[in-house]
Full PDB file with SEQRES, HELIX, SHEET, SSBOND, CRYST1, ORIGX, SCALE, CONECT and MASTER records, all heavy atoms in Angstrom:
SEQRES   1 A   45  MET VAL ALA ILE GLY THR LEU LEU ALA ASN ASN GLU MET          
SEQRES   2 A   45  VAL LYS PHE ASP THR VAL MET ASP GLU LEU ALA ALA THR          
SEQRES   3 A   45  LEU GLY LYS LYS ARG PRO ASP LEU LEU GLU LEU ASN GLU          
SEQRES   4 A   45  LYS ALA ILE LYS LYS GLY                                      
HELIX    1 AA1 VAL A    2  ASN A   10  1                                   9    
HELIX    2 AA2 PHE A   16  LEU A   27  1                                  12    
HELIX    3 AA3 PRO A   32  LYS A   44  1                                  13    
CRYST1    1.000    1.000    1.000  90.00  90.00  90.00 P 1           1          
ORIGX1      1.000000  0.000000  0.000000        0.00000                         
ORIGX2      0.000000  1.000000  0.000000        0.00000                         
ORIGX3      0.000000  0.000000  1.000000        0.00000                         
SCALE1      1.000000  0.000000  0.000000        0.00000                         
SCALE2      0.000000  1.000000  0.000000        0.00000                         
SCALE3      0.000000  0.000000  1.000000        0.00000                         
ATOM      1  N   MET A   1       2.035  -8.138   3.885  1.00  0.00           N  
ATOM      2  CA  MET A   1       3.133  -8.899   4.494  1.00  0.00           C  
ATOM      3  C   MET A   1       3.845  -8.066   5.556  1.00  0.00           C  
ATOM      4  O   MET A   1       4.360  -8.614   6.534  1.00  0.00           O  
ATOM      5  CB  MET A   1       4.118  -9.380   3.426  1.00  0.00           C  
ATOM      6  CG  MET A   1       3.513 -10.392   2.469  1.00  0.00           C  
ATOM      7  SD  MET A   1       2.964 -11.902   3.324  1.00  0.00           S  
ATOM      8  CE  MET A   1       1.293 -12.036   2.744  1.00  0.00           C  
ATOM      9  N   VAL A   2       3.872  -6.759   5.378  1.00  0.00           N  
ATOM     10  CA  VAL A   2       4.385  -5.883   6.437  1.00  0.00           C  
ATOM     11  C   VAL A   2       3.507  -6.077   7.677  1.00  0.00           C  
ATOM     12  O   VAL A   2       4.009  -6.204   8.802  1.00  0.00           O  
ATOM     13  CB  VAL A   2       4.402  -4.397   5.995  1.00  0.00           C  
ATOM     14  CG1 VAL A   2       4.844  -3.498   7.149  1.00  0.00           C  
ATOM     15  CG2 VAL A   2       5.298  -4.190   4.781  1.00  0.00           C  
ATOM     16  N   ALA A   3       2.204  -6.133   7.457  1.00  0.00           N  
ATOM     17  CA  ALA A   3       1.264  -6.336   8.566  1.00  0.00           C  
ATOM     18  C   ALA A   3       1.481  -7.688   9.238  1.00  0.00           C  
ATOM     19  O   ALA A   3       1.452  -7.789  10.470  1.00  0.00           O  
ATOM     20  CB  ALA A   3      -0.178  -6.216   8.065  1.00  0.00           C  
ATOM     21  N   ILE A   4       1.715  -8.738   8.454  1.00  0.00           N  
ATOM     22  CA  ILE A   4       1.979 -10.056   9.038  1.00  0.00           C  
ATOM     23  C   ILE A   4       3.248 -10.000   9.886  1.00  0.00           C  
ATOM     24  O   ILE A   4       3.290 -10.557  10.983  1.00  0.00           O  
ATOM     25  CB  ILE A   4       2.068 -11.153   7.949  1.00  0.00           C  
ATOM     26  CG1 ILE A   4       0.663 -11.525   7.478  1.00  0.00           C  
ATOM     27  CG2 ILE A   4       2.795 -12.398   8.476  1.00  0.00           C  
ATOM     28  CD1 ILE A   4       0.605 -12.617   6.442  1.00  0.00           C  
ATOM     29  N   GLY A   5       4.272  -9.338   9.392  1.00  0.00           N  
ATOM     30  CA  GLY A   5       5.504  -9.211  10.157  1.00  0.00           C  
ATOM     31  C   GLY A   5       5.281  -8.532  11.494  1.00  0.00           C  
ATOM     32  O   GLY A   5       5.797  -8.973  12.533  1.00  0.00           O  
ATOM     33  N   THR A   6       4.494  -7.467  11.489  1.00  0.00           N  
ATOM     34  CA  THR A   6       4.197  -6.766  12.736  1.00  0.00           C  
ATOM     35  C   THR A   6       3.413  -7.672  13.677  1.00  0.00           C  
ATOM     36  O   THR A   6       3.661  -7.696  14.884  1.00  0.00           O  
ATOM     37  CB  THR A   6       3.436  -5.462  12.456  1.00  0.00           C  
ATOM     38  OG1 THR A   6       4.202  -4.666  11.541  1.00  0.00           O  
ATOM     39  CG2 THR A   6       3.220  -4.670  13.728  1.00  0.00           C  
ATOM     40  N   LEU A   7       2.480  -8.431  13.138  1.00  0.00           N  
ATOM     41  CA  LEU A   7       1.728  -9.375  13.953  1.00  0.00           C  
ATOM     42  C   LEU A   7       2.665 -10.418  14.571  1.00  0.00           C  
ATOM     43  O   LEU A   7       2.582 -10.713  15.760  1.00  0.00           O  
ATOM     44  CB  LEU A   7       0.645 -10.059  13.122  1.00  0.00           C  
ATOM     45  CG  LEU A   7      -0.176 -11.116  13.848  1.00  0.00           C  
ATOM     46  CD1 LEU A   7      -1.014 -10.481  14.948  1.00  0.00           C  
ATOM     47  CD2 LEU A   7      -1.058 -11.860  12.880  1.00  0.00           C  
ATOM     48  N   LEU A   8       3.572 -10.963  13.772  1.00  0.00           N  
ATOM     49  CA  LEU A   8       4.511 -11.972  14.276  1.00  0.00           C  
ATOM     50  C   LEU A   8       5.403 -11.407  15.383  1.00  0.00           C  
ATOM     51  O   LEU A   8       5.746 -12.116  16.330  1.00  0.00           O  
ATOM     52  CB  LEU A   8       5.381 -12.511  13.140  1.00  0.00           C  
ATOM     53  CG  LEU A   8       4.675 -13.328  12.053  1.00  0.00           C  
ATOM     54  CD1 LEU A   8       5.644 -13.680  10.934  1.00  0.00           C  
ATOM     55  CD2 LEU A   8       4.036 -14.570  12.631  1.00  0.00           C  
ATOM     56  N   ALA A   9       5.770 -10.141  15.282  1.00  0.00           N  
ATOM     57  CA  ALA A   9       6.618  -9.511  16.300  1.00  0.00           C  
ATOM     58  C   ALA A   9       5.879  -9.278  17.609  1.00  0.00           C  
ATOM     59  O   ALA A   9       6.497  -9.167  18.663  1.00  0.00           O  
ATOM     60  CB  ALA A   9       7.157  -8.182  15.775  1.00  0.00           C  
ATOM     61  N   ASN A  10       4.549  -9.218  17.539  1.00  0.00           N  
ATOM     62  CA  ASN A  10       3.752  -8.867  18.716  1.00  0.00           C  
ATOM     63  C   ASN A  10       2.892  -9.997  19.249  1.00  0.00           C  
ATOM     64  O   ASN A  10       2.171  -9.818  20.224  1.00  0.00           O  
ATOM     65  CB  ASN A  10       2.872  -7.658  18.384  1.00  0.00           C  
ATOM     66  CG  ASN A  10       3.680  -6.395  18.276  1.00  0.00           C  
ATOM     67  OD1 ASN A  10       4.035  -5.794  19.273  1.00  0.00           O  
ATOM     68  ND2 ASN A  10       4.027  -6.005  17.048  1.00  0.00           N  
ATOM     69  N   ASN A  11       2.927 -11.157  18.600  1.00  0.00           N  
ATOM     70  CA  ASN A  11       2.107 -12.287  19.020  1.00  0.00           C  
ATOM     71  C   ASN A  11       2.773 -13.558  18.514  1.00  0.00           C  
ATOM     72  O   ASN A  11       3.242 -13.593  17.379  1.00  0.00           O  
ATOM     73  CB  ASN A  11       0.687 -12.150  18.458  1.00  0.00           C  
ATOM     74  CG  ASN A  11      -0.237 -13.198  18.978  1.00  0.00           C  
ATOM     75  OD1 ASN A  11      -0.081 -14.376  18.673  1.00  0.00           O  
ATOM     76  ND2 ASN A  11      -1.213 -12.790  19.759  1.00  0.00           N  
ATOM     77  N   GLU A  12       2.783 -14.590  19.320  1.00  0.00           N  
ATOM     78  CA  GLU A  12       3.488 -15.819  18.956  1.00  0.00           C  
ATOM     79  C   GLU A  12       2.552 -16.938  18.501  1.00  0.00           C  
ATOM     80  O   GLU A  12       2.858 -18.116  18.683  1.00  0.00           O  
ATOM     81  CB  GLU A  12       4.334 -16.270  20.137  1.00  0.00           C  
ATOM     82  CG  GLU A  12       5.381 -15.257  20.517  1.00  0.00           C  
ATOM     83  CD  GLU A  12       6.186 -15.661  21.734  1.00  0.00           C  
ATOM     84  OE1 GLU A  12       5.900 -16.718  22.333  1.00  0.00           O  
ATOM     85  OE2 GLU A  12       7.092 -14.902  22.087  1.00  0.00           O  
ATOM     86  N   MET A  13       1.421 -16.593  17.882  1.00  0.00           N  
ATOM     87  CA  MET A  13       0.470 -17.636  17.504  1.00  0.00           C  
ATOM     88  C   MET A  13       0.974 -18.540  16.390  1.00  0.00           C  
ATOM     89  O   MET A  13       0.655 -19.714  16.354  1.00  0.00           O  
ATOM     90  CB  MET A  13      -0.861 -17.027  17.120  1.00  0.00           C  
ATOM     91  CG  MET A  13      -0.879 -16.452  15.728  1.00  0.00           C  
ATOM     92  SD  MET A  13      -2.334 -15.536  15.408  1.00  0.00           S  
ATOM     93  CE  MET A  13      -2.001 -14.150  16.437  1.00  0.00           C  
ATOM     94  N   VAL A  14       1.756 -17.997  15.464  1.00  0.00           N  
ATOM     95  CA  VAL A  14       2.400 -18.810  14.432  1.00  0.00           C  
ATOM     96  C   VAL A  14       3.837 -18.325  14.294  1.00  0.00           C  
ATOM     97  O   VAL A  14       4.175 -17.222  14.701  1.00  0.00           O  
ATOM     98  CB  VAL A  14       1.674 -18.732  13.059  1.00  0.00           C  
ATOM     99  CG1 VAL A  14       0.297 -19.357  13.119  1.00  0.00           C  
ATOM    100  CG2 VAL A  14       1.598 -17.327  12.531  1.00  0.00           C  
ATOM    101  N   LYS A  15       4.661 -19.170  13.702  1.00  0.00           N  
ATOM    102  CA  LYS A  15       6.084 -18.871  13.588  1.00  0.00           C  
ATOM    103  C   LYS A  15       6.419 -18.272  12.221  1.00  0.00           C  
ATOM    104  O   LYS A  15       5.796 -18.596  11.215  1.00  0.00           O  
ATOM    105  CB  LYS A  15       6.893 -20.149  13.800  1.00  0.00           C  
ATOM    106  CG  LYS A  15       6.744 -20.750  15.178  1.00  0.00           C  
ATOM    107  CD  LYS A  15       7.510 -22.069  15.259  1.00  0.00           C  
ATOM    108  CE  LYS A  15       7.350 -22.725  16.595  1.00  0.00           C  
ATOM    109  NZ  LYS A  15       6.043 -23.328  16.797  1.00  0.00           N  
ATOM    110  N   PHE A  16       7.449 -17.439  12.215  1.00  0.00           N  
ATOM    111  CA  PHE A  16       7.957 -16.826  10.990  1.00  0.00           C  
ATOM    112  C   PHE A  16       8.278 -17.896   9.946  1.00  0.00           C  
ATOM    113  O   PHE A  16       7.887 -17.783   8.786  1.00  0.00           O  
ATOM    114  CB  PHE A  16       9.203 -15.981  11.302  1.00  0.00           C  
ATOM    115  CG  PHE A  16       9.970 -15.544  10.086  1.00  0.00           C  
ATOM    116  CD1 PHE A  16       9.552 -14.449   9.349  1.00  0.00           C  
ATOM    117  CD2 PHE A  16      11.113 -16.224   9.678  1.00  0.00           C  
ATOM    118  CE1 PHE A  16      10.251 -14.041   8.224  1.00  0.00           C  
ATOM    119  CE2 PHE A  16      11.812 -15.824   8.557  1.00  0.00           C  
ATOM    120  CZ  PHE A  16      11.385 -14.728   7.828  1.00  0.00           C  
ATOM    121  N   ASP A  17       8.999 -18.944  10.354  1.00  0.00           N  
ATOM    122  CA  ASP A  17       9.405 -19.986   9.408  1.00  0.00           C  
ATOM    123  C   ASP A  17       8.207 -20.673   8.771  1.00  0.00           C  
ATOM    124  O   ASP A  17       8.247 -21.022   7.588  1.00  0.00           O  
ATOM    125  CB  ASP A  17      10.292 -21.027  10.103  1.00  0.00           C  
ATOM    126  CG  ASP A  17      11.671 -20.469  10.454  1.00  0.00           C  
ATOM    127  OD1 ASP A  17      12.099 -19.474   9.831  1.00  0.00           O  
ATOM    128  OD2 ASP A  17      12.322 -21.033  11.354  1.00  0.00           O  
ATOM    129  N   THR A  18       7.141 -20.849   9.527  1.00  0.00           N  
ATOM    130  CA  THR A  18       5.946 -21.493   8.985  1.00  0.00           C  
ATOM    131  C   THR A  18       5.288 -20.605   7.938  1.00  0.00           C  
ATOM    132  O   THR A  18       4.875 -21.077   6.876  1.00  0.00           O  
ATOM    133  CB  THR A  18       4.943 -21.822  10.107  1.00  0.00           C  
ATOM    134  OG1 THR A  18       5.615 -22.530  11.147  1.00  0.00           O  
ATOM    135  CG2 THR A  18       3.808 -22.678   9.579  1.00  0.00           C  
ATOM    136  N   VAL A  19       5.201 -19.309   8.217  1.00  0.00           N  
ATOM    137  CA  VAL A  19       4.632 -18.370   7.237  1.00  0.00           C  
ATOM    138  C   VAL A  19       5.487 -18.371   5.977  1.00  0.00           C  
ATOM    139  O   VAL A  19       4.967 -18.420   4.851  1.00  0.00           O  
ATOM    140  CB  VAL A  19       4.504 -16.950   7.828  1.00  0.00           C  
ATOM    141  CG1 VAL A  19       4.085 -15.945   6.765  1.00  0.00           C  
ATOM    142  CG2 VAL A  19       3.509 -16.935   8.986  1.00  0.00           C  
ATOM    143  N   MET A  20       6.809 -18.360   6.140  1.00  0.00           N  
ATOM    144  CA  MET A  20       7.691 -18.366   4.970  1.00  0.00           C  
ATOM    145  C   MET A  20       7.550 -19.663   4.170  1.00  0.00           C  
ATOM    146  O   MET A  20       7.587 -19.635   2.937  1.00  0.00           O  
ATOM    147  CB  MET A  20       9.152 -18.149   5.395  1.00  0.00           C  
ATOM    148  CG  MET A  20       9.457 -16.722   5.819  1.00  0.00           C  
ATOM    149  SD  MET A  20       8.965 -15.448   4.616  1.00  0.00           S  
ATOM    150  CE  MET A  20       9.832 -15.957   3.145  1.00  0.00           C  
ATOM    151  N   ASP A  21       7.379 -20.791   4.856  1.00  0.00           N  
ATOM    152  CA  ASP A  21       7.162 -22.061   4.152  1.00  0.00           C  
ATOM    153  C   ASP A  21       5.898 -22.000   3.302  1.00  0.00           C  
ATOM    154  O   ASP A  21       5.879 -22.479   2.164  1.00  0.00           O  
ATOM    155  CB  ASP A  21       7.051 -23.224   5.144  1.00  0.00           C  
ATOM    156  CG  ASP A  21       8.386 -23.594   5.786  1.00  0.00           C  
ATOM    157  OD1 ASP A  21       9.442 -23.125   5.316  1.00  0.00           O  
ATOM    158  OD2 ASP A  21       8.353 -24.350   6.785  1.00  0.00           O  
ATOM    159  N   GLU A  22       4.836 -21.420   3.854  1.00  0.00           N  
ATOM    160  CA  GLU A  22       3.574 -21.304   3.106  1.00  0.00           C  
ATOM    161  C   GLU A  22       3.718 -20.354   1.921  1.00  0.00           C  
ATOM    162  O   GLU A  22       3.185 -20.598   0.843  1.00  0.00           O  
ATOM    163  CB  GLU A  22       2.434 -20.855   4.032  1.00  0.00           C  
ATOM    164  CG  GLU A  22       1.986 -21.931   4.995  1.00  0.00           C  
ATOM    165  CD  GLU A  22       1.573 -23.218   4.303  1.00  0.00           C  
ATOM    166  OE1 GLU A  22       0.878 -23.170   3.267  1.00  0.00           O  
ATOM    167  OE2 GLU A  22       1.959 -24.296   4.790  1.00  0.00           O  
ATOM    168  N   LEU A  23       4.437 -19.254   2.124  1.00  0.00           N  
ATOM    169  CA  LEU A  23       4.695 -18.329   1.012  1.00  0.00           C  
ATOM    170  C   LEU A  23       5.496 -19.019  -0.083  1.00  0.00           C  
ATOM    171  O   LEU A  23       5.189 -18.874  -1.270  1.00  0.00           O  
ATOM    172  CB  LEU A  23       5.441 -17.090   1.501  1.00  0.00           C  
ATOM    173  CG  LEU A  23       4.599 -15.990   2.101  1.00  0.00           C  
ATOM    174  CD1 LEU A  23       5.471 -14.970   2.821  1.00  0.00           C  
ATOM    175  CD2 LEU A  23       3.775 -15.299   1.034  1.00  0.00           C  
ATOM    176  N   ALA A  24       6.520 -19.763   0.304  1.00  0.00           N  
ATOM    177  CA  ALA A  24       7.344 -20.468  -0.681  1.00  0.00           C  
ATOM    178  C   ALA A  24       6.515 -21.495  -1.451  1.00  0.00           C  
ATOM    179  O   ALA A  24       6.663 -21.631  -2.660  1.00  0.00           O  
ATOM    180  CB  ALA A  24       8.529 -21.143   0.014  1.00  0.00           C  
ATOM    181  N   ALA A  25       5.635 -22.195  -0.744  1.00  0.00           N  
ATOM    182  CA  ALA A  25       4.789 -23.186  -1.407  1.00  0.00           C  
ATOM    183  C   ALA A  25       3.827 -22.521  -2.396  1.00  0.00           C  
ATOM    184  O   ALA A  25       3.537 -23.069  -3.456  1.00  0.00           O  
ATOM    185  CB  ALA A  25       4.003 -23.985  -0.370  1.00  0.00           C  
ATOM    186  N   THR A  26       3.353 -21.332  -2.047  1.00  0.00           N  
ATOM    187  CA  THR A  26       2.399 -20.625  -2.904  1.00  0.00           C  
ATOM    188  C   THR A  26       3.081 -19.893  -4.051  1.00  0.00           C  
ATOM    189  O   THR A  26       2.631 -19.944  -5.190  1.00  0.00           O  
ATOM    190  CB  THR A  26       1.575 -19.618  -2.071  1.00  0.00           C  
ATOM    191  OG1 THR A  26       0.895 -20.333  -1.043  1.00  0.00           O  
ATOM    192  CG2 THR A  26       0.564 -18.877  -2.921  1.00  0.00           C  
ATOM    193  N   LEU A  27       4.181 -19.194  -3.756  1.00  0.00           N  
ATOM    194  CA  LEU A  27       4.833 -18.352  -4.751  1.00  0.00           C  
ATOM    195  C   LEU A  27       6.026 -19.023  -5.434  1.00  0.00           C  
ATOM    196  O   LEU A  27       6.445 -18.577  -6.501  1.00  0.00           O  
ATOM    197  CB  LEU A  27       5.322 -17.056  -4.103  1.00  0.00           C  
ATOM    198  CG  LEU A  27       4.270 -16.147  -3.494  1.00  0.00           C  
ATOM    199  CD1 LEU A  27       4.930 -15.001  -2.753  1.00  0.00           C  
ATOM    200  CD2 LEU A  27       3.334 -15.624  -4.568  1.00  0.00           C  
ATOM    201  N   GLY A  28       6.570 -20.035  -4.803  1.00  0.00           N  
ATOM    202  CA  GLY A  28       7.817 -20.640  -5.253  1.00  0.00           C  
ATOM    203  C   GLY A  28       7.906 -20.951  -6.726  1.00  0.00           C  
ATOM    204  O   GLY A  28       8.868 -20.586  -7.390  1.00  0.00           O  
ATOM    205  N   LYS A  29       6.905 -21.610  -7.272  1.00  0.00           N  
ATOM    206  CA  LYS A  29       6.953 -22.002  -8.680  1.00  0.00           C  
ATOM    207  C   LYS A  29       6.384 -20.929  -9.601  1.00  0.00           C  
ATOM    208  O   LYS A  29       6.887 -20.706 -10.687  1.00  0.00           O  
ATOM    209  CB  LYS A  29       6.193 -23.314  -8.878  1.00  0.00           C  
ATOM    210  CG  LYS A  29       6.879 -24.489  -8.219  1.00  0.00           C  
ATOM    211  CD  LYS A  29       6.109 -25.768  -8.426  1.00  0.00           C  
ATOM    212  CE  LYS A  29       6.823 -26.893  -7.700  1.00  0.00           C  
ATOM    213  NZ  LYS A  29       6.075 -28.133  -7.718  1.00  0.00           N  
ATOM    214  N   LYS A  30       5.301 -20.278  -9.150  1.00  0.00           N  
ATOM    215  CA  LYS A  30       4.626 -19.305 -10.012  1.00  0.00           C  
ATOM    216  C   LYS A  30       5.339 -17.954 -10.044  1.00  0.00           C  
ATOM    217  O   LYS A  30       5.475 -17.345 -11.090  1.00  0.00           O  
ATOM    218  CB  LYS A  30       3.184 -19.092  -9.552  1.00  0.00           C  
ATOM    219  CG  LYS A  30       2.274 -20.281  -9.773  1.00  0.00           C  
ATOM    220  CD  LYS A  30       0.844 -19.922  -9.471  1.00  0.00           C  
ATOM    221  CE  LYS A  30       0.534 -20.384  -8.066  1.00  0.00           C  
ATOM    222  NZ  LYS A  30      -0.831 -20.124  -7.650  1.00  0.00           N  
ATOM    223  N   ARG A  31       5.724 -17.454  -8.877  1.00  0.00           N  
ATOM    224  CA  ARG A  31       6.301 -16.108  -8.777  1.00  0.00           C  
ATOM    225  C   ARG A  31       7.462 -16.062  -7.774  1.00  0.00           C  
ATOM    226  O   ARG A  31       7.371 -15.393  -6.750  1.00  0.00           O  
ATOM    227  CB  ARG A  31       5.222 -15.115  -8.351  1.00  0.00           C  
ATOM    228  CG  ARG A  31       4.082 -14.906  -9.312  1.00  0.00           C  
ATOM    229  CD  ARG A  31       4.480 -14.256 -10.640  1.00  0.00           C  
ATOM    230  NE  ARG A  31       5.274 -13.066 -10.550  1.00  0.00           N  
ATOM    231  CZ  ARG A  31       4.808 -11.818 -10.586  1.00  0.00           C  
ATOM    232  NH1 ARG A  31       3.540 -11.600 -10.682  1.00  0.00           N  
ATOM    233  NH2 ARG A  31       5.637 -10.797 -10.518  1.00  0.00           N  
ATOM    234  N   PRO A  32       8.566 -16.758  -8.055  1.00  0.00           N  
ATOM    235  CA  PRO A  32       9.679 -16.748  -7.098  1.00  0.00           C  
ATOM    236  C   PRO A  32      10.235 -15.346  -6.854  1.00  0.00           C  
ATOM    237  O   PRO A  32      10.778 -15.074  -5.793  1.00  0.00           O  
ATOM    238  CB  PRO A  32      10.712 -17.678  -7.739  1.00  0.00           C  
ATOM    239  CG  PRO A  32      10.345 -17.771  -9.168  1.00  0.00           C  
ATOM    240  CD  PRO A  32       8.860 -17.534  -9.247  1.00  0.00           C  
ATOM    241  N   ASP A  33      10.076 -14.453  -7.835  1.00  0.00           N  
ATOM    242  CA  ASP A  33      10.548 -13.076  -7.677  1.00  0.00           C  
ATOM    243  C   ASP A  33       9.822 -12.357  -6.539  1.00  0.00           C  
ATOM    244  O   ASP A  33      10.395 -11.493  -5.870  1.00  0.00           O  
ATOM    245  CB  ASP A  33      10.383 -12.295  -8.979  1.00  0.00           C  
ATOM    246  CG  ASP A  33       8.955 -12.324  -9.511  1.00  0.00           C  
ATOM    247  OD1 ASP A  33       8.359 -13.425  -9.568  1.00  0.00           O  
ATOM    248  OD2 ASP A  33       8.435 -11.262  -9.876  1.00  0.00           O  
ATOM    249  N   LEU A  34       8.568 -12.741  -6.303  1.00  0.00           N  
ATOM    250  CA  LEU A  34       7.802 -12.099  -5.231  1.00  0.00           C  
ATOM    251  C   LEU A  34       8.139 -12.649  -3.849  1.00  0.00           C  
ATOM    252  O   LEU A  34       7.878 -11.999  -2.846  1.00  0.00           O  
ATOM    253  CB  LEU A  34       6.298 -12.256  -5.485  1.00  0.00           C  
ATOM    254  CG  LEU A  34       5.727 -11.488  -6.670  1.00  0.00           C  
ATOM    255  CD1 LEU A  34       4.240 -11.755  -6.800  1.00  0.00           C  
ATOM    256  CD2 LEU A  34       6.002 -10.005  -6.529  1.00  0.00           C  
ATOM    257  N   LEU A  35       8.714 -13.833  -3.802  1.00  0.00           N  
ATOM    258  CA  LEU A  35       9.051 -14.445  -2.517  1.00  0.00           C  
ATOM    259  C   LEU A  35      10.043 -13.578  -1.748  1.00  0.00           C  
ATOM    260  O   LEU A  35       9.864 -13.322  -0.555  1.00  0.00           O  
ATOM    261  CB  LEU A  35       9.600 -15.853  -2.726  1.00  0.00           C  
ATOM    262  CG  LEU A  35       9.834 -16.675  -1.475  1.00  0.00           C  
ATOM    263  CD1 LEU A  35       8.555 -16.817  -0.657  1.00  0.00           C  
ATOM    264  CD2 LEU A  35      10.385 -18.042  -1.840  1.00  0.00           C  
ATOM    265  N   GLU A  36      11.074 -13.092  -2.413  1.00  0.00           N  
ATOM    266  CA  GLU A  36      12.069 -12.248  -1.755  1.00  0.00           C  
ATOM    267  C   GLU A  36      11.455 -10.933  -1.275  1.00  0.00           C  
ATOM    268  O   GLU A  36      11.734 -10.486  -0.158  1.00  0.00           O  
ATOM    269  CB  GLU A  36      13.233 -11.966  -2.714  1.00  0.00           C  
ATOM    270  CG  GLU A  36      14.348 -11.166  -2.076  1.00  0.00           C  
ATOM    271  CD  GLU A  36      15.502 -10.894  -3.028  1.00  0.00           C  
ATOM    272  OE1 GLU A  36      15.672 -11.629  -4.022  1.00  0.00           O  
ATOM    273  OE2 GLU A  36      16.235  -9.927  -2.769  1.00  0.00           O  
ATOM    274  N   LEU A  37      10.596 -10.320  -2.095  1.00  0.00           N  
ATOM    275  CA  LEU A  37       9.927  -9.072  -1.681  1.00  0.00           C  
ATOM    276  C   LEU A  37       9.053  -9.295  -0.458  1.00  0.00           C  
ATOM    277  O   LEU A  37       9.042  -8.486   0.473  1.00  0.00           O  
ATOM    278  CB  LEU A  37       9.069  -8.518  -2.823  1.00  0.00           C  
ATOM    279  CG  LEU A  37       9.783  -7.901  -4.015  1.00  0.00           C  
ATOM    280  CD1 LEU A  37       8.766  -7.499  -5.076  1.00  0.00           C  
ATOM    281  CD2 LEU A  37      10.625  -6.720  -3.601  1.00  0.00           C  
ATOM    282  N   ASN A  38       8.319 -10.406  -0.443  1.00  0.00           N  
ATOM    283  CA  ASN A  38       7.456 -10.714   0.689  1.00  0.00           C  
ATOM    284  C   ASN A  38       8.258 -10.957   1.959  1.00  0.00           C  
ATOM    285  O   ASN A  38       7.882 -10.510   3.039  1.00  0.00           O  
ATOM    286  CB  ASN A  38       6.561 -11.919   0.370  1.00  0.00           C  
ATOM    287  CG  ASN A  38       5.376 -11.532  -0.483  1.00  0.00           C  
ATOM    288  OD1 ASN A  38       4.403 -10.997   0.013  1.00  0.00           O  
ATOM    289  ND2 ASN A  38       5.468 -11.785  -1.775  1.00  0.00           N  
ATOM    290  N   GLU A  39       9.378 -11.646   1.831  1.00  0.00           N  
ATOM    291  CA  GLU A  39      10.220 -11.899   3.002  1.00  0.00           C  
ATOM    292  C   GLU A  39      10.772 -10.584   3.553  1.00  0.00           C  
ATOM    293  O   GLU A  39      10.787 -10.366   4.766  1.00  0.00           O  
ATOM    294  CB  GLU A  39      11.355 -12.850   2.657  1.00  0.00           C  
ATOM    295  CG  GLU A  39      12.215 -13.180   3.869  1.00  0.00           C  
ATOM    296  CD  GLU A  39      13.281 -14.232   3.593  1.00  0.00           C  
ATOM    297  OE1 GLU A  39      13.410 -14.696   2.445  1.00  0.00           O  
ATOM    298  OE2 GLU A  39      13.985 -14.575   4.551  1.00  0.00           O  
ATOM    299  N   LYS A  40      11.217  -9.702   2.666  1.00  0.00           N  
ATOM    300  CA  LYS A  40      11.707  -8.387   3.106  1.00  0.00           C  
ATOM    301  C   LYS A  40      10.608  -7.625   3.840  1.00  0.00           C  
ATOM    302  O   LYS A  40      10.848  -6.982   4.863  1.00  0.00           O  
ATOM    303  CB  LYS A  40      12.181  -7.552   1.907  1.00  0.00           C  
ATOM    304  CG  LYS A  40      13.515  -7.928   1.371  1.00  0.00           C  
ATOM    305  CD  LYS A  40      13.891  -7.000   0.212  1.00  0.00           C  
ATOM    306  CE  LYS A  40      15.179  -7.422  -0.441  1.00  0.00           C  
ATOM    307  NZ  LYS A  40      15.507  -6.581  -1.606  1.00  0.00           N  
ATOM    308  N   ALA A  41       9.397  -7.686   3.292  1.00  0.00           N  
ATOM    309  CA  ALA A  41       8.270  -6.970   3.898  1.00  0.00           C  
ATOM    310  C   ALA A  41       7.960  -7.515   5.290  1.00  0.00           C  
ATOM    311  O   ALA A  41       7.731  -6.746   6.233  1.00  0.00           O  
ATOM    312  CB  ALA A  41       7.042  -7.065   3.000  1.00  0.00           C  
ATOM    313  N   ILE A  42       7.946  -8.827   5.427  1.00  0.00           N  
ATOM    314  CA  ILE A  42       7.667  -9.431   6.741  1.00  0.00           C  
ATOM    315  C   ILE A  42       8.746  -9.025   7.739  1.00  0.00           C  
ATOM    316  O   ILE A  42       8.437  -8.609   8.865  1.00  0.00           O  
ATOM    317  CB  ILE A  42       7.565 -10.974   6.618  1.00  0.00           C  
ATOM    318  CG1 ILE A  42       6.300 -11.353   5.844  1.00  0.00           C  
ATOM    319  CG2 ILE A  42       7.552 -11.617   8.009  1.00  0.00           C  
ATOM    320  CD1 ILE A  42       6.207 -12.823   5.474  1.00  0.00           C  
ATOM    321  N   LYS A  43       9.990  -9.127   7.340  1.00  0.00           N  
ATOM    322  CA  LYS A  43      11.089  -8.767   8.247  1.00  0.00           C  
ATOM    323  C   LYS A  43      11.041  -7.294   8.634  1.00  0.00           C  
ATOM    324  O   LYS A  43      11.312  -6.944   9.785  1.00  0.00           O  
ATOM    325  CB  LYS A  43      12.423  -9.135   7.620  1.00  0.00           C  
ATOM    326  CG  LYS A  43      12.683 -10.639   7.619  1.00  0.00           C  
ATOM    327  CD  LYS A  43      14.016 -10.985   7.032  1.00  0.00           C  
ATOM    328  CE  LYS A  43      14.282 -12.482   7.134  1.00  0.00           C  
ATOM    329  NZ  LYS A  43      15.547 -12.870   6.477  1.00  0.00           N  
ATOM    330  N   LYS A  44      10.684  -6.444   7.694  1.00  0.00           N  
ATOM    331  CA  LYS A  44      10.574  -5.005   8.016  1.00  0.00           C  
ATOM    332  C   LYS A  44       9.421  -4.775   9.009  1.00  0.00           C  
ATOM    333  O   LYS A  44       9.551  -4.006   9.946  1.00  0.00           O  
ATOM    334  CB  LYS A  44      10.370  -4.197   6.733  1.00  0.00           C  
ATOM    335  CG  LYS A  44      10.504  -2.720   6.911  1.00  0.00           C  
ATOM    336  CD  LYS A  44      11.936  -2.346   7.260  1.00  0.00           C  
ATOM    337  CE  LYS A  44      12.038  -0.840   7.367  1.00  0.00           C  
ATOM    338  NZ  LYS A  44      13.331  -0.407   7.907  1.00  0.00           N  
ATOM    339  N   GLY A  45       8.302  -5.455   8.797  1.00  0.00           N  
ATOM    340  CA  GLY A  45       7.171  -5.345   9.698  1.00  0.00           C  
ATOM    341  C   GLY A  45       7.504  -5.831  11.103  1.00  0.00           C  
ATOM    342  O   GLY A  45       6.978  -5.328  12.103  1.00  0.00           O  
TER     343      GLY A  45                                                      
MASTER        0    0    0    3    0    0    0    6  342    1    0    4          
END                                                                             
């Protein structure tokens, strides 16, 4: 996710909000605790 963040900062092929929506859809019910960590990682990247 750090790598995805760096990609998002250097290329506009997809939007941050769209990636976060997909993460929420995937992790939201099963592992909501990981959603916050992933968001932090993307933002740091």
